Amino acid sequence: MTTITIEEAKDRLSELIHRLNPGEEVVITEDDRPVARLVPAVPPARKARKFGTLKGTVLSMDRFDDPLEDFEDYM
């Protein structure tokens, strides 16, 4: 986390935005107190999905093809 004064941020805003990496933030301070945070608009990349994590959660497929009671009017 980078900390920068509001005056420096005014002068170097374009540079700060272009150098910002995903997951990084710049804290802007005024009178040694944080007043704003500059973060990238693009969220960090998601982790790859791992196959098999829901193994064992489907308990039965016996009635899979049975018509749904709520949709009898549509059939």
C-alpha atoms as a PDB file:
ATOM      1  CA  MET A   1       0.000   0.000   0.000  1.00  0.00           C
ATOM      2  CA  THR A   2       1.391   3.332  -1.097  1.00  0.00           C
ATOM      3  CA  THR A   3       0.596   6.530   0.790  1.00  0.00           C
ATOM      4  CA  ILE A   4       0.709   9.901  -0.944  1.00  0.00           C
ATOM      5  CA  THR A   5      -0.387  13.423  -0.028  1.00  0.00           C
ATOM      6  CA  ILE A   6      -3.304  15.069  -1.771  1.00  0.00           C
ATOM      7  CA  GLU A   7      -1.000  17.660  -3.366  1.00  0.00           C
ATOM      8  CA  GLU A   8       1.244  14.965  -4.854  1.00  0.00           C
ATOM      9  CA  ALA A   9      -1.821  13.067  -6.065  1.00  0.00           C
ATOM     10  CA  LYS A  10      -3.058  16.159  -7.929  1.00  0.00           C
ATOM     11  CA  ASP A  11       0.273  16.537  -9.722  1.00  0.00           C
ATOM     12  CA  ARG A  12       0.781  12.819 -10.521  1.00  0.00           C
ATOM     13  CA  LEU A  13      -2.778  11.438 -10.857  1.00  0.00           C
ATOM     14  CA  SER A  14      -2.351  10.165 -14.417  1.00  0.00           C
ATOM     15  CA  GLU A  15       0.915   8.412 -13.520  1.00  0.00           C
ATOM     16  CA  LEU A  16      -0.610   6.872 -10.374  1.00  0.00           C
ATOM     17  CA  ILE A  17      -3.578   5.482 -12.326  1.00  0.00           C
ATOM     18  CA  HIS A  18      -1.438   3.947 -15.062  1.00  0.00           C
ATOM     19  CA  ARG A  19       0.981   2.318 -12.604  1.00  0.00           C
ATOM     20  CA  LEU A  20      -1.765   0.791 -10.447  1.00  0.00           C
ATOM     21  CA  ASN A  21      -1.783  -3.030 -10.500  1.00  0.00           C
ATOM     22  CA  PRO A  22      -4.722  -5.327  -9.629  1.00  0.00           C
ATOM     23  CA  GLY A  23      -4.968  -5.770  -5.870  1.00  0.00           C
ATOM     24  CA  GLU A  24      -2.848  -2.682  -5.189  1.00  0.00           C
ATOM     25  CA  GLU A  25      -4.123   0.541  -3.663  1.00  0.00           C
ATOM     26  CA  VAL A  26      -2.878   4.076  -3.086  1.00  0.00           C
ATOM     27  CA  VAL A  27      -4.031   5.924   0.038  1.00  0.00           C
ATOM     28  CA  ILE A  28      -4.334   9.687  -0.382  1.00  0.00           C
ATOM     29  CA  THR A  29      -3.788  11.702   2.785  1.00  0.00           C
ATOM     30  CA  GLU A  30      -4.449  15.266   3.898  1.00  0.00           C
ATOM     31  CA  ASP A  31      -2.829  16.560   7.074  1.00  0.00           C
ATOM     32  CA  ASP A  32      -1.501  13.019   7.740  1.00  0.00           C
ATOM     33  CA  ARG A  33      -5.040  11.571   7.759  1.00  0.00           C
ATOM     34  CA  PRO A  34      -6.322   9.202   5.046  1.00  0.00           C
ATOM     35  CA  VAL A  35      -9.063  10.847   2.968  1.00  0.00           C
ATOM     36  CA  ALA A  36      -9.309   8.624  -0.128  1.00  0.00           C
ATOM     37  CA  ARG A  37      -8.236   5.331  -1.615  1.00  0.00           C
ATOM     38  CA  LEU A  38      -7.278   4.817  -5.257  1.00  0.00           C
ATOM     39  CA  VAL A  39      -7.889   1.232  -6.422  1.00  0.00           C
ATOM     40  CA  PRO A  40      -7.988  -0.316  -9.913  1.00  0.00           C
ATOM     41  CA  ALA A  41     -11.428  -0.701 -11.491  1.00  0.00           C
ATOM     42  CA  VAL A  42     -10.668  -4.230 -12.696  1.00  0.00           C
ATOM     43  CA  PRO A  43     -11.119  -6.808  -9.926  1.00  0.00           C
ATOM     44  CA  PRO A  44      -8.327  -9.338  -9.376  1.00  0.00           C
ATOM     45  CA  ALA A  45      -8.544 -12.526 -11.426  1.00  0.00           C
ATOM     46  CA  ARG A  46     -10.590 -15.373  -9.957  1.00  0.00           C
ATOM     47  CA  LYS A  47      -9.038 -18.642  -8.944  1.00  0.00           C
ATOM     48  CA  ALA A  48      -9.443 -21.504 -11.396  1.00  0.00           C
ATOM     49  CA  ARG A  49     -12.352 -23.789 -10.606  1.00  0.00           C
ATOM     50  CA  LYS A  50     -11.499 -27.209  -9.304  1.00  0.00           C
ATOM     51  CA  PHE A  51     -13.518 -30.091 -10.699  1.00  0.00           C
ATOM     52  CA  GLY A  52     -15.032 -32.536  -8.258  1.00  0.00           C
ATOM     53  CA  THR A  53     -15.599 -30.127  -5.385  1.00  0.00           C
ATOM     54  CA  LEU A  54     -19.356 -30.921  -5.279  1.00  0.00           C
ATOM     55  CA  LYS A  55     -18.876 -34.674  -5.463  1.00  0.00           C
ATOM     56  CA  GLY A  56     -21.480 -36.474  -3.367  1.00  0.00           C
ATOM     57  CA  THR A  57     -23.937 -33.561  -3.173  1.00  0.00           C
ATOM     58  CA  VAL A  58     -26.483 -35.067  -5.619  1.00  0.00           C
ATOM     59  CA  LEU A  59     -28.204 -37.720  -3.566  1.00  0.00           C
ATOM     60  CA  SER A  60     -30.625 -39.206  -6.109  1.00  0.00           C
ATOM     61  CA  MET A  61     -31.404 -38.978  -9.832  1.00  0.00           C
ATOM     62  CA  ASP A  62     -34.445 -41.304  -9.665  1.00  0.00           C
ATOM     63  CA  ARG A  63     -37.054 -38.617 -10.443  1.00  0.00           C
ATOM     64  CA  PHE A  64     -34.925 -36.417 -12.716  1.00  0.00           C
ATOM     65  CA  ASP A  65     -37.150 -36.787 -15.801  1.00  0.00           C
ATOM     66  CA  ASP A  66     -40.511 -36.537 -13.981  1.00  0.00           C
ATOM     67  CA  PRO A  67     -42.614 -33.527 -15.040  1.00  0.00           C
ATOM     68  CA  LEU A  68     -42.690 -30.649 -12.593  1.00  0.00           C
ATOM     69  CA  GLU A  69     -46.021 -30.098 -10.809  1.00  0.00           C
ATOM     70  CA  ASP A  70     -45.770 -26.300 -11.119  1.00  0.00           C
ATOM     71  CA  PHE A  71     -45.667 -26.498 -14.921  1.00  0.00           C
ATOM     72  CA  GLU A  72     -48.665 -28.739 -15.569  1.00  0.00           C
ATOM     73  CA  ASP A  73     -50.653 -25.765 -16.965  1.00  0.00           C
ATOM     74  CA  TYR A  74     -47.985 -25.132 -19.599  1.00  0.00           C
ATOM     75  CA  MET A  75     -47.887 -28.673 -20.965  1.00  0.00           C
END
